[in-house]
Amino acid sequence: MSGGRRCFGTFLILVGAAAGALYLWRRPWQTAAPRIPVYAGNLATHVFHRAGCRLYHSHPDDPEFFERNSAVEAGFRPCGVCKP
């Protein structure tokens, strides 16, 4: 094998390794985790609960909130059992 061919092969290996490292480095910014609602409101009682509260029975029209302040601003009060 000639010196030029060996050098070119080494160059391709280094370029491939750099491209792989760049892909792994950029990957976390390209995939965003979906946001899951933390609180669920009950329209009948105007009470909001944490996800998994034993008193909350979900309905398709019930609002979901990502932050406690947004539930309070919407006119809901916190549940007395799960205390969100």
C-alpha atoms as a PDB file:
ATOM      1  CA  MET A   1       0.000   0.000   0.000  1.00  0.00           C
ATOM      2  CA  SER A   2       1.424   3.329  -0.954  1.00  0.00           C
ATOM      3  CA  GLY A   3       1.947   6.178   1.483  1.00  0.00           C
ATOM      4  CA  GLY A   4      -0.597   8.423  -0.239  1.00  0.00           C
ATOM      5  CA  ARG A   5      -3.345   5.818  -0.133  1.00  0.00           C
ATOM      6  CA  ARG A   6      -2.736   5.096   3.572  1.00  0.00           C
ATOM      7  CA  CYS A   7      -2.842   8.819   4.335  1.00  0.00           C
ATOM      8  CA  PHE A   8      -6.127   9.203   2.444  1.00  0.00           C
ATOM      9  CA  GLY A   9      -7.635   6.252   4.342  1.00  0.00           C
ATOM     10  CA  THR A  10      -6.616   7.770   7.662  1.00  0.00           C
ATOM     11  CA  PHE A  11      -8.120  11.076   6.550  1.00  0.00           C
ATOM     12  CA  LEU A  12     -11.481   9.402   5.778  1.00  0.00           C
ATOM     13  CA  ILE A  13     -11.529   7.687   9.158  1.00  0.00           C
ATOM     14  CA  LEU A  14     -10.861  10.983  10.946  1.00  0.00           C
ATOM     15  CA  VAL A  15     -13.533  12.808   8.933  1.00  0.00           C
ATOM     16  CA  GLY A  16     -16.042  10.051   9.706  1.00  0.00           C
ATOM     17  CA  ALA A  17     -15.244  10.193  13.414  1.00  0.00           C
ATOM     18  CA  ALA A  18     -15.606  13.979  13.449  1.00  0.00           C
ATOM     19  CA  ALA A  19     -18.954  13.772  11.635  1.00  0.00           C
ATOM     20  CA  GLY A  20     -20.212  11.183  14.130  1.00  0.00           C
ATOM     21  CA  ALA A  21     -19.136  13.309  17.063  1.00  0.00           C
ATOM     22  CA  LEU A  22     -20.879  16.345  15.581  1.00  0.00           C
ATOM     23  CA  TYR A  23     -24.077  14.322  15.103  1.00  0.00           C
ATOM     24  CA  LEU A  24     -24.021  13.171  18.715  1.00  0.00           C
ATOM     25  CA  TRP A  25     -23.225  16.668  19.934  1.00  0.00           C
ATOM     26  CA  ARG A  26     -26.129  18.270  18.037  1.00  0.00           C
ATOM     27  CA  ARG A  27     -28.652  15.547  18.740  1.00  0.00           C
ATOM     28  CA  PRO A  28     -30.055  16.743  22.118  1.00  0.00           C
ATOM     29  CA  TRP A  29     -30.993  20.135  20.665  1.00  0.00           C
ATOM     30  CA  GLN A  30     -32.861  18.597  17.767  1.00  0.00           C
ATOM     31  CA  THR A  31     -35.128  16.343  19.824  1.00  0.00           C
ATOM     32  CA  ALA A  32     -37.325  18.173  22.306  1.00  0.00           C
ATOM     33  CA  ALA A  33     -39.158  16.218  24.977  1.00  0.00           C
ATOM     34  CA  PRO A  34     -42.938  16.587  24.846  1.00  0.00           C
ATOM     35  CA  ARG A  35     -44.478  18.573  27.673  1.00  0.00           C
ATOM     36  CA  ILE A  36     -46.893  16.632  29.854  1.00  0.00           C
ATOM     37  CA  PRO A  37     -49.592  18.563  31.753  1.00  0.00           C
ATOM     38  CA  VAL A  38     -49.009  18.510  35.497  1.00  0.00           C
ATOM     39  CA  TYR A  39     -52.442  19.681  36.638  1.00  0.00           C
ATOM     40  CA  ALA A  40     -55.962  18.871  35.484  1.00  0.00           C
ATOM     41  CA  GLY A  41     -59.001  21.031  36.147  1.00  0.00           C
ATOM     42  CA  ASN A  42     -62.561  19.874  36.780  1.00  0.00           C
ATOM     43  CA  LEU A  43     -65.069  22.160  35.075  1.00  0.00           C
ATOM     44  CA  ALA A  44     -67.969  21.039  37.284  1.00  0.00           C
ATOM     45  CA  THR A  45     -66.298  21.943  40.580  1.00  0.00           C
ATOM     46  CA  HIS A  46     -63.626  24.438  39.417  1.00  0.00           C
ATOM     47  CA  VAL A  47     -60.987  22.488  41.365  1.00  0.00           C
ATOM     48  CA  PHE A  48     -57.626  21.513  39.890  1.00  0.00           C
ATOM     49  CA  HIS A  49     -55.732  18.361  40.811  1.00  0.00           C
ATOM     50  CA  ARG A  50     -52.270  16.862  40.324  1.00  0.00           C
ATOM     51  CA  ALA A  51     -51.987  14.116  37.751  1.00  0.00           C
ATOM     52  CA  GLY A  52     -52.921  10.876  39.504  1.00  0.00           C
ATOM     53  CA  CYS A  53     -55.030  12.385  42.295  1.00  0.00           C
ATOM     54  CA  ARG A  54     -57.537   9.847  43.618  1.00  0.00           C
ATOM     55  CA  LEU A  55     -60.385  12.376  43.598  1.00  0.00           C
ATOM     56  CA  TYR A  56     -59.982  13.443  39.979  1.00  0.00           C
ATOM     57  CA  HIS A  57     -62.128  11.720  37.375  1.00  0.00           C
ATOM     58  CA  SER A  58     -61.159  12.874  33.905  1.00  0.00           C
ATOM     59  CA  HIS A  59     -63.584  14.131  31.317  1.00  0.00           C
ATOM     60  CA  PRO A  60     -62.721  14.922  27.695  1.00  0.00           C
ATOM     61  CA  ASP A  61     -63.510  18.641  28.069  1.00  0.00           C
ATOM     62  CA  ASP A  62     -61.528  19.266  31.257  1.00  0.00           C
ATOM     63  CA  PRO A  63     -58.638  21.747  30.876  1.00  0.00           C
ATOM     64  CA  GLU A  64     -55.038  20.768  31.512  1.00  0.00           C
ATOM     65  CA  PHE A  65     -52.423  23.098  32.955  1.00  0.00           C
ATOM     66  CA  PHE A  66     -48.622  23.063  32.873  1.00  0.00           C
ATOM     67  CA  GLU A  67     -48.204  25.518  35.770  1.00  0.00           C
ATOM     68  CA  ARG A  68     -50.053  26.094  39.027  1.00  0.00           C
ATOM     69  CA  ASN A  69     -50.347  29.843  38.439  1.00  0.00           C
ATOM     70  CA  SER A  70     -52.169  29.352  35.147  1.00  0.00           C
ATOM     71  CA  ALA A  71     -54.793  27.168  36.864  1.00  0.00           C
ATOM     72  CA  VAL A  72     -55.342  29.758  39.595  1.00  0.00           C
ATOM     73  CA  GLU A  73     -55.567  32.581  37.029  1.00  0.00           C
ATOM     74  CA  ALA A  74     -58.199  30.567  35.135  1.00  0.00           C
ATOM     75  CA  GLY A  75     -60.395  30.589  38.269  1.00  0.00           C
ATOM     76  CA  PHE A  76     -59.701  27.115  39.654  1.00  0.00           C
ATOM     77  CA  ARG A  77     -58.898  26.394  43.299  1.00  0.00           C
ATOM     78  CA  PRO A  78     -56.454  23.691  44.462  1.00  0.00           C
ATOM     79  CA  CYS A  79     -57.650  20.263  45.577  1.00  0.00           C
ATOM     80  CA  GLY A  80     -57.676  19.668  49.345  1.00  0.00           C
ATOM     81  CA  VAL A  81     -56.398  16.093  49.040  1.00  0.00           C
ATOM     82  CA  CYS A  82     -53.448  16.247  46.618  1.00  0.00           C
ATOM     83  CA  LYS A  83     -52.658  19.903  47.488  1.00  0.00           C
ATOM     84  CA  PRO A  84     -51.133  20.979  44.144  1.00  0.00           C
END
